[in-house]
């Protein structure tokens, strides 16, 4: 486990304290979760960008051509 020291504007610190209290968690847990969410978002974006580079329009069209051309059931329609 690593300990870090950060500087926060007083207003952000107060909002974080209130959010932690409302969620019933410690400030440490709130901040760790916030950082985890941000890192996950950035990692996902990087992964999706790399994955999109491997895309192939011909394979996509081949997959689409295998989908039957039928009306969806009533529960699945966007009317």
PDB file of N, CA and C in Angstrom:
ATOM      1  N   UNK A   1       0.860  -1.167   0.000  1.00  0.00           N
ATOM      2  CA  UNK A   1       0.000   0.000   0.000  1.00  0.00           C
ATOM      3  C   UNK A   1       0.904   1.226   0.000  1.00  0.00           C
ATOM      4  N   UNK A   2       0.529   2.216  -0.784  1.00  0.00           N
ATOM      5  CA  UNK A   2       1.294   3.452  -0.894  1.00  0.00           C
ATOM      6  C   UNK A   2       0.516   4.595  -0.265  1.00  0.00           C
ATOM      7  N   UNK A   3       1.225   5.470   0.385  1.00  0.00           N
ATOM      8  CA  UNK A   3       0.631   6.672   0.961  1.00  0.00           C
ATOM      9  C   UNK A   3       1.023   7.859   0.097  1.00  0.00           C
ATOM     10  N   UNK A   4       0.041   8.691  -0.257  1.00  0.00           N
ATOM     11  CA  UNK A   4       0.331   9.897  -1.027  1.00  0.00           C
ATOM     12  C   UNK A   4      -0.280  11.094  -0.320  1.00  0.00           C
ATOM     13  N   UNK A   5       0.262  12.236  -0.627  1.00  0.00           N
ATOM     14  CA  UNK A   5      -0.266  13.483  -0.084  1.00  0.00           C
ATOM     15  C   UNK A   5      -0.715  14.322  -1.274  1.00  0.00           C
ATOM     16  N   UNK A   6      -1.941  14.812  -1.217  1.00  0.00           N
ATOM     17  CA  UNK A   6      -2.438  15.638  -2.323  1.00  0.00           C
ATOM     18  C   UNK A   6      -2.956  16.961  -1.777  1.00  0.00           C
ATOM     19  N   UNK A   7      -2.942  17.951  -2.637  1.00  0.00           N
ATOM     20  CA  UNK A   7      -3.497  19.252  -2.286  1.00  0.00           C
ATOM     21  C   UNK A   7      -4.844  19.390  -2.994  1.00  0.00           C
ATOM     22  N   UNK A   8      -5.858  19.724  -2.219  1.00  0.00           N
ATOM     23  CA  UNK A   8      -7.198  19.915  -2.761  1.00  0.00           C
ATOM     24  C   UNK A   8      -7.694  21.300  -2.389  1.00  0.00           C
ATOM     25  N   UNK A   9      -8.429  21.917  -3.277  1.00  0.00           N
ATOM     26  CA  UNK A   9      -9.101  23.157  -2.873  1.00  0.00           C
ATOM     27  C   UNK A   9     -10.059  22.830  -1.721  1.00  0.00           C
ATOM     28  N   UNK A  10     -10.220  23.773  -0.823  1.00  0.00           N
ATOM     29  CA  UNK A  10     -11.090  23.546   0.337  1.00  0.00           C
ATOM     30  C   UNK A  10     -12.491  23.114  -0.063  1.00  0.00           C
ATOM     31  N   UNK A  11     -13.009  23.716  -1.126  1.00  0.00           N
ATOM     32  CA  UNK A  11     -14.374  23.385  -1.550  1.00  0.00           C
ATOM     33  C   UNK A  11     -14.468  21.929  -2.016  1.00  0.00           C
ATOM     34  N   UNK A  12     -13.463  21.445  -2.749  1.00  0.00           N
ATOM     35  CA  UNK A  12     -13.473  20.059  -3.220  1.00  0.00           C
ATOM     36  C   UNK A  12     -13.301  19.099  -2.044  1.00  0.00           C
ATOM     37  N   UNK A  13     -12.453  19.462  -1.105  1.00  0.00           N
ATOM     38  CA  UNK A  13     -12.263  18.634   0.084  1.00  0.00           C
ATOM     39  C   UNK A  13     -13.574  18.500   0.848  1.00  0.00           C
ATOM     40  N   UNK A  14     -14.282  19.594   1.006  1.00  0.00           N
ATOM     41  CA  UNK A  14     -15.560  19.560   1.719  1.00  0.00           C
ATOM     42  C   UNK A  14     -16.578  18.698   0.977  1.00  0.00           C
ATOM     43  N   UNK A  15     -16.645  18.862  -0.326  1.00  0.00           N
ATOM     44  CA  UNK A  15     -17.585  18.042  -1.110  1.00  0.00           C
ATOM     45  C   UNK A  15     -17.226  16.564  -1.012  1.00  0.00           C
ATOM     46  N   UNK A  16     -15.931  16.243  -1.022  1.00  0.00           N
ATOM     47  CA  UNK A  16     -15.494  14.848  -0.902  1.00  0.00           C
ATOM     48  C   UNK A  16     -15.860  14.289   0.464  1.00  0.00           C
ATOM     49  N   UNK A  17     -15.670  15.076   1.529  1.00  0.00           N
ATOM     50  CA  UNK A  17     -16.040  14.629   2.875  1.00  0.00           C
ATOM     51  C   UNK A  17     -17.536  14.340   2.944  1.00  0.00           C
ATOM     52  N   UNK A  18     -18.330  15.212   2.365  1.00  0.00           N
ATOM     53  CA  UNK A  18     -19.781  15.023   2.378  1.00  0.00           C
ATOM     54  C   UNK A  18     -20.183  13.791   1.572  1.00  0.00           C
ATOM     55  N   UNK A  19     -19.546  13.604   0.422  1.00  0.00           N
ATOM     56  CA  UNK A  19     -19.853  12.437  -0.417  1.00  0.00           C
ATOM     57  C   UNK A  19     -19.476  11.144   0.296  1.00  0.00           C
ATOM     58  N   UNK A  20     -18.328  11.142   0.963  1.00  0.00           N
ATOM     59  CA  UNK A  20     -17.892   9.957   1.695  1.00  0.00           C
ATOM     60  C   UNK A  20     -18.865   9.643   2.824  1.00  0.00           C
ATOM     61  N   UNK A  21     -19.264  10.665   3.548  1.00  0.00           N
ATOM     62  CA  UNK A  21     -20.205  10.468   4.654  1.00  0.00           C
ATOM     63  C   UNK A  21     -21.544   9.947   4.136  1.00  0.00           C
ATOM     64  N   UNK A  22     -22.017  10.527   3.050  1.00  0.00           N
ATOM     65  CA  UNK A  22     -23.294  10.104   2.479  1.00  0.00           C
ATOM     66  C   UNK A  22     -23.228   8.658   2.014  1.00  0.00           C
ATOM     67  N   UNK A  23     -22.061   8.248   1.492  1.00  0.00           N
ATOM     68  CA  UNK A  23     -21.892   6.887   0.988  1.00  0.00           C
ATOM     69  C   UNK A  23     -21.485   5.918   2.092  1.00  0.00           C
ATOM     70  N   UNK A  24     -21.179   6.448   3.269  1.00  0.00           N
ATOM     71  CA  UNK A  24     -20.817   5.596   4.392  1.00  0.00           C
ATOM     72  C   UNK A  24     -19.436   4.972   4.259  1.00  0.00           C
ATOM     73  N   UNK A  25     -18.511   5.700   3.606  1.00  0.00           N
ATOM     74  CA  UNK A  25     -17.146   5.198   3.425  1.00  0.00           C
ATOM     75  C   UNK A  25     -16.161   6.239   3.927  1.00  0.00           C
ATOM     76  N   UNK A  26     -14.918   5.819   4.068  1.00  0.00           N
ATOM     77  CA  UNK A  26     -13.880   6.757   4.487  1.00  0.00           C
ATOM     78  C   UNK A  26     -13.451   7.620   3.302  1.00  0.00           C
ATOM     79  N   UNK A  27     -12.783   8.724   3.610  1.00  0.00           N
ATOM     80  CA  UNK A  27     -12.230   9.565   2.546  1.00  0.00           C
ATOM     81  C   UNK A  27     -11.234   8.765   1.713  1.00  0.00           C
ATOM     82  N   UNK A  28     -10.407   7.946   2.375  1.00  0.00           N
ATOM     83  CA  UNK A  28      -9.443   7.123   1.643  1.00  0.00           C
ATOM     84  C   UNK A  28     -10.146   6.225   0.637  1.00  0.00           C
ATOM     85  N   UNK A  29     -11.220   5.576   1.076  1.00  0.00           N
ATOM     86  CA  UNK A  29     -11.944   4.672   0.186  1.00  0.00           C
ATOM     87  C   UNK A  29     -12.593   5.447  -0.959  1.00  0.00           C
ATOM     88  N   UNK A  30     -13.178   6.583  -0.658  1.00  0.00           N
ATOM     89  CA  UNK A  30     -13.801   7.398  -1.691  1.00  0.00           C
ATOM     90  C   UNK A  30     -12.782   7.804  -2.750  1.00  0.00           C
ATOM     91  N   UNK A  31     -11.622   8.289  -2.303  1.00  0.00           N
ATOM     92  CA  UNK A  31     -10.594   8.753  -3.239  1.00  0.00           C
ATOM     93  C   UNK A  31     -10.006   7.582  -4.025  1.00  0.00           C
ATOM     94  N   UNK A  32      -9.770   6.448  -3.360  1.00  0.00           N
ATOM     95  CA  UNK A  32      -9.247   5.267  -4.059  1.00  0.00           C
ATOM     96  C   UNK A  32     -10.228   4.801  -5.140  1.00  0.00           C
ATOM     97  N   UNK A  33     -11.522   4.811  -4.819  1.00  0.00           N
ATOM     98  CA  UNK A  33     -12.535   4.407  -5.808  1.00  0.00           C
ATOM     99  C   UNK A  33     -12.602   5.398  -6.962  1.00  0.00           C
ATOM    100  N   UNK A  34     -12.501   6.685  -6.661  1.00  0.00           N
ATOM    101  CA  UNK A  34     -12.538   7.704  -7.717  1.00  0.00           C
ATOM    102  C   UNK A  34     -11.354   7.534  -8.666  1.00  0.00           C
ATOM    103  N   UNK A  35     -10.179   7.278  -8.109  1.00  0.00           N
ATOM    104  CA  UNK A  35      -8.999   7.073  -8.955  1.00  0.00           C
ATOM    105  C   UNK A  35      -9.154   5.789  -9.763  1.00  0.00           C
ATOM    106  N   UNK A  36      -9.671   4.731  -9.143  1.00  0.00           N
ATOM    107  CA  UNK A  36      -9.876   3.468  -9.853  1.00  0.00           C
ATOM    108  C   UNK A  36     -10.836   3.651 -11.029  1.00  0.00           C
ATOM    109  N   UNK A  37     -11.898   4.416 -10.821  1.00  0.00           N
ATOM    110  CA  UNK A  37     -12.859   4.665 -11.906  1.00  0.00           C
ATOM    111  C   UNK A  37     -12.201   5.422 -13.055  1.00  0.00           C
ATOM    112  N   UNK A  38     -11.406   6.420 -12.740  1.00  0.00           N
ATOM    113  CA  UNK A  38     -10.736   7.211 -13.772  1.00  0.00           C
ATOM    114  C   UNK A  38      -9.732   6.362 -14.540  1.00  0.00           C
ATOM    115  N   UNK A  39      -8.936   5.568 -13.824  1.00  0.00           N
ATOM    116  CA  UNK A  39      -7.954   4.706 -14.474  1.00  0.00           C
ATOM    117  C   UNK A  39      -8.659   3.680 -15.363  1.00  0.00           C
ATOM    118  N   UNK A  40      -9.768   3.129 -14.890  1.00  0.00           N
ATOM    119  CA  UNK A  40     -10.527   2.167 -15.690  1.00  0.00           C
ATOM    120  C   UNK A  40     -11.054   2.821 -16.967  1.00  0.00           C
ATOM    121  N   UNK A  41     -11.550   4.038 -16.865  1.00  0.00           N
ATOM    122  CA  UNK A  41     -12.059   4.743 -18.046  1.00  0.00           C
ATOM    123  C   UNK A  41     -10.941   4.987 -19.051  1.00  0.00           C
ATOM    124  N   UNK A  42      -9.787   5.435 -18.578  1.00  0.00           N
ATOM    125  CA  UNK A  42      -8.665   5.690 -19.479  1.00  0.00           C
ATOM    126  C   UNK A  42      -8.144   4.404 -20.104  1.00  0.00           C
ATOM    127  N   UNK A  43      -8.072   3.349 -19.310  1.00  0.00           N
ATOM    128  CA  UNK A  43      -7.612   2.054 -19.817  1.00  0.00           C
ATOM    129  C   UNK A  43      -8.577   1.522 -20.873  1.00  0.00           C
ATOM    130  N   UNK A  44      -9.860   1.665 -20.619  1.00  0.00           N
ATOM    131  CA  UNK A  44     -10.866   1.203 -21.575  1.00  0.00           C
ATOM    132  C   UNK A  44     -10.760   1.980 -22.881  1.00  0.00           C
ATOM    133  N   UNK A  45     -10.591   3.276 -22.781  1.00  0.00           N
ATOM    134  CA  UNK A  45     -10.463   4.098 -23.982  1.00  0.00           C
ATOM    135  C   UNK A  45      -9.249   3.666 -24.802  1.00  0.00           C
ATOM    136  N   UNK A  46      -8.124   3.440 -24.140  1.00  0.00           N
ATOM    137  CA  UNK A  46      -6.907   3.000 -24.824  1.00  0.00           C
ATOM    138  C   UNK A  46      -7.127   1.641 -25.479  1.00  0.00           C
ATOM    139  N   UNK A  47      -7.766   0.715 -24.754  1.00  0.00           N
ATOM    140  CA  UNK A  47      -8.045  -0.614 -25.299  1.00  0.00           C
ATOM    141  C   UNK A  47      -8.938  -0.525 -26.533  1.00  0.00           C
ATOM    142  N   UNK A  48     -10.010   0.261 -26.439  1.00  0.00           N
ATOM    143  CA  UNK A  48     -10.940   0.364 -27.563  1.00  0.00           C
ATOM    144  C   UNK A  48     -10.291   1.013 -28.782  1.00  0.00           C
ATOM    145  N   UNK A  49      -9.421   1.990 -28.561  1.00  0.00           N
ATOM    146  CA  UNK A  49      -8.711   2.598 -29.688  1.00  0.00           C
ATOM    147  C   UNK A  49      -7.820   1.576 -30.365  1.00  0.00           C
ATOM    148  N   UNK A  50      -7.079   0.807 -29.578  1.00  0.00           N
ATOM    149  CA  UNK A  50      -6.199  -0.221 -30.147  1.00  0.00           C
ATOM    150  C   UNK A  50      -7.020  -1.292 -30.847  1.00  0.00           C
ATOM    151  N   UNK A  51      -8.122  -1.694 -30.228  1.00  0.00           N
ATOM    152  CA  UNK A  51      -8.964  -2.743 -30.821  1.00  0.00           C
ATOM    153  C   UNK A  51      -9.600  -2.269 -32.122  1.00  0.00           C
ATOM    154  N   UNK A  52      -9.954  -1.003 -32.207  1.00  0.00           N
ATOM    155  CA  UNK A  52     -10.586  -0.497 -33.427  1.00  0.00           C
ATOM    156  C   UNK A  52      -9.623  -0.527 -34.610  1.00  0.00           C
ATOM    157  N   UNK A  53      -8.339  -0.452 -34.327  1.00  0.00           N
ATOM    158  CA  UNK A  53      -7.344  -0.503 -35.401  1.00  0.00           C
ATOM    159  C   UNK A  53      -7.289  -1.883 -36.051  1.00  0.00           C
ATOM    160  N   UNK A  54      -7.753  -2.901 -35.340  1.00  0.00           N
ATOM    161  CA  UNK A  54      -7.746  -4.261 -35.878  1.00  0.00           C
ATOM    162  C   UNK A  54      -9.029  -4.587 -36.631  1.00  0.00           C
ATOM    163  N   UNK A  55      -9.962  -3.631 -36.651  1.00  0.00           N
ATOM    164  CA  UNK A  55     -11.232  -3.867 -37.325  1.00  0.00           C
ATOM    165  C   UNK A  55     -11.054  -4.074 -38.820  1.00  0.00           C
ATOM    166  N   UNK A  56     -11.951  -4.853 -39.399  1.00  0.00           N
ATOM    167  CA  UNK A  56     -11.895  -5.158 -40.835  1.00  0.00           C
ATOM    168  C   UNK A  56     -13.303  -5.026 -41.404  1.00  0.00           C
ATOM    169  N   UNK A  57     -13.486  -4.081 -42.310  1.00  0.00           N
ATOM    170  CA  UNK A  57     -14.814  -3.823 -42.867  1.00  0.00           C
ATOM    171  C   UNK A  57     -15.376  -5.042 -43.588  1.00  0.00           C
ATOM    172  N   UNK A  58     -14.524  -5.821 -44.254  1.00  0.00           N
ATOM    173  CA  UNK A  58     -15.003  -7.011 -44.971  1.00  0.00           C
ATOM    174  C   UNK A  58     -15.523  -8.068 -44.002  1.00  0.00           C
ATOM    175  N   UNK A  59     -14.831  -8.257 -42.877  1.00  0.00           N
ATOM    176  CA  UNK A  59     -15.306  -9.216 -41.873  1.00  0.00           C
ATOM    177  C   UNK A  59     -16.615  -8.721 -41.254  1.00  0.00           C
ATOM    178  N   UNK A  60     -16.718  -7.420 -41.038  1.00  0.00           N
ATOM    179  CA  UNK A  60     -17.941  -6.842 -40.480  1.00  0.00           C
ATOM    180  C   UNK A  60     -19.121  -7.073 -41.430  1.00  0.00           C
ATOM    181  N   UNK A  61     -18.916  -6.792 -42.698  1.00  0.00           N
ATOM    182  CA  UNK A  61     -19.985  -6.983 -43.675  1.00  0.00           C
ATOM    183  C   UNK A  61     -20.349  -8.455 -43.821  1.00  0.00           C
ATOM    184  N   UNK A  62     -19.370  -9.346 -43.731  1.00  0.00           N
ATOM    185  CA  UNK A  62     -19.651 -10.779 -43.792  1.00  0.00           C
ATOM    186  C   UNK A  62     -20.504 -11.207 -42.599  1.00  0.00           C
ATOM    187  N   UNK A  63     -20.180 -10.682 -41.426  1.00  0.00           N
ATOM    188  CA  UNK A  63     -20.971 -11.010 -40.235  1.00  0.00           C
ATOM    189  C   UNK A  63     -22.390 -10.476 -40.378  1.00  0.00           C
ATOM    190  N   UNK A  64     -22.535  -9.247 -40.887  1.00  0.00           N
ATOM    191  CA  UNK A  64     -23.875  -8.668 -41.078  1.00  0.00           C
ATOM    192  C   UNK A  64     -24.691  -9.458 -42.084  1.00  0.00           C
ATOM    193  N   UNK A  65     -24.042  -9.972 -43.106  1.00  0.00           N
ATOM    194  CA  UNK A  65     -24.780 -10.715 -44.133  1.00  0.00           C
ATOM    195  C   UNK A  65     -25.320 -12.032 -43.584  1.00  0.00           C
ATOM    196  N   UNK A  66     -24.782 -12.512 -42.477  1.00  0.00           N
ATOM    197  CA  UNK A  66     -25.258 -13.753 -41.872  1.00  0.00           C
ATOM    198  C   UNK A  66     -26.481 -13.524 -40.990  1.00  0.00           C
ATOM    199  N   UNK A  67     -26.823 -12.267 -40.728  1.00  0.00           N
ATOM    200  CA  UNK A  67     -27.978 -11.953 -39.888  1.00  0.00           C
ATOM    201  C   UNK A  67     -29.235 -12.052 -40.736  1.00  0.00           C
ATOM    202  N   UNK A  68     -30.224 -12.845 -40.308  1.00  0.00           N
ATOM    203  CA  UNK A  68     -31.442 -12.986 -41.112  1.00  0.00           C
ATOM    204  C   UNK A  68     -32.204 -11.659 -41.227  1.00  0.00           C
ATOM    205  N   UNK A  69     -32.782 -11.420 -42.369  1.00  0.00           N
ATOM    206  CA  UNK A  69     -33.545 -10.203 -42.632  1.00  0.00           C
ATOM    207  C   UNK A  69     -35.017 -10.452 -42.297  1.00  0.00           C
ATOM    208  N   UNK A  70     -35.328 -10.424 -40.999  1.00  0.00           N
ATOM    209  CA  UNK A  70     -36.694 -10.668 -40.537  1.00  0.00           C
ATOM    210  C   UNK A  70     -37.085  -9.560 -39.570  1.00  0.00           C
ATOM    211  N   UNK A  71     -38.369  -9.377 -39.403  1.00  0.00           N
ATOM    212  CA  UNK A  71     -38.868  -8.395 -38.444  1.00  0.00           C
ATOM    213  C   UNK A  71     -38.562  -8.885 -37.026  1.00  0.00           C
ATOM    214  N   UNK A  72     -38.161  -7.989 -36.145  1.00  0.00           N
ATOM    215  CA  UNK A  72     -37.914  -8.409 -34.762  1.00  0.00           C
ATOM    216  C   UNK A  72     -39.240  -8.697 -34.061  1.00  0.00           C
ATOM    217  N   UNK A  73     -39.184  -9.498 -33.006  1.00  0.00           N
ATOM    218  CA  UNK A  73     -40.417  -9.735 -32.238  1.00  0.00           C
ATOM    219  C   UNK A  73     -40.910  -8.415 -31.633  1.00  0.00           C
ATOM    220  N   UNK A  74     -42.169  -8.363 -31.295  1.00  0.00           N
ATOM    221  CA  UNK A  74     -42.790  -7.126 -30.792  1.00  0.00           C
ATOM    222  C   UNK A  74     -42.048  -6.540 -29.601  1.00  0.00           C
ATOM    223  N   UNK A  75     -41.551  -7.380 -28.675  1.00  0.00           N
ATOM    224  CA  UNK A  75     -40.881  -6.865 -27.473  1.00  0.00           C
ATOM    225  C   UNK A  75     -39.526  -6.237 -27.796  1.00  0.00           C
ATOM    226  N   UNK A  76     -39.012  -6.480 -28.987  1.00  0.00           N
ATOM    227  CA  UNK A  76     -37.682  -6.005 -29.341  1.00  0.00           C
ATOM    228  C   UNK A  76     -37.710  -4.862 -30.365  1.00  0.00           C
ATOM    229  N   UNK A  77     -38.885  -4.348 -30.655  1.00  0.00           N
ATOM    230  CA  UNK A  77     -39.015  -3.278 -31.647  1.00  0.00           C
ATOM    231  C   UNK A  77     -38.825  -1.920 -31.020  1.00  0.00           C
ATOM    232  N   UNK A  78     -38.331  -1.002 -31.813  1.00  0.00           N
ATOM    233  CA  UNK A  78     -38.152   0.381 -31.370  1.00  0.00           C
ATOM    234  C   UNK A  78     -39.180   1.237 -32.093  1.00  0.00           C
ATOM    235  N   UNK A  79     -40.410   1.152 -31.649  1.00  0.00           N
ATOM    236  CA  UNK A  79     -41.499   1.894 -32.304  1.00  0.00           C
ATOM    237  C   UNK A  79     -41.632   3.274 -31.750  1.00  0.00           C
TER     238      UNK A  79
END
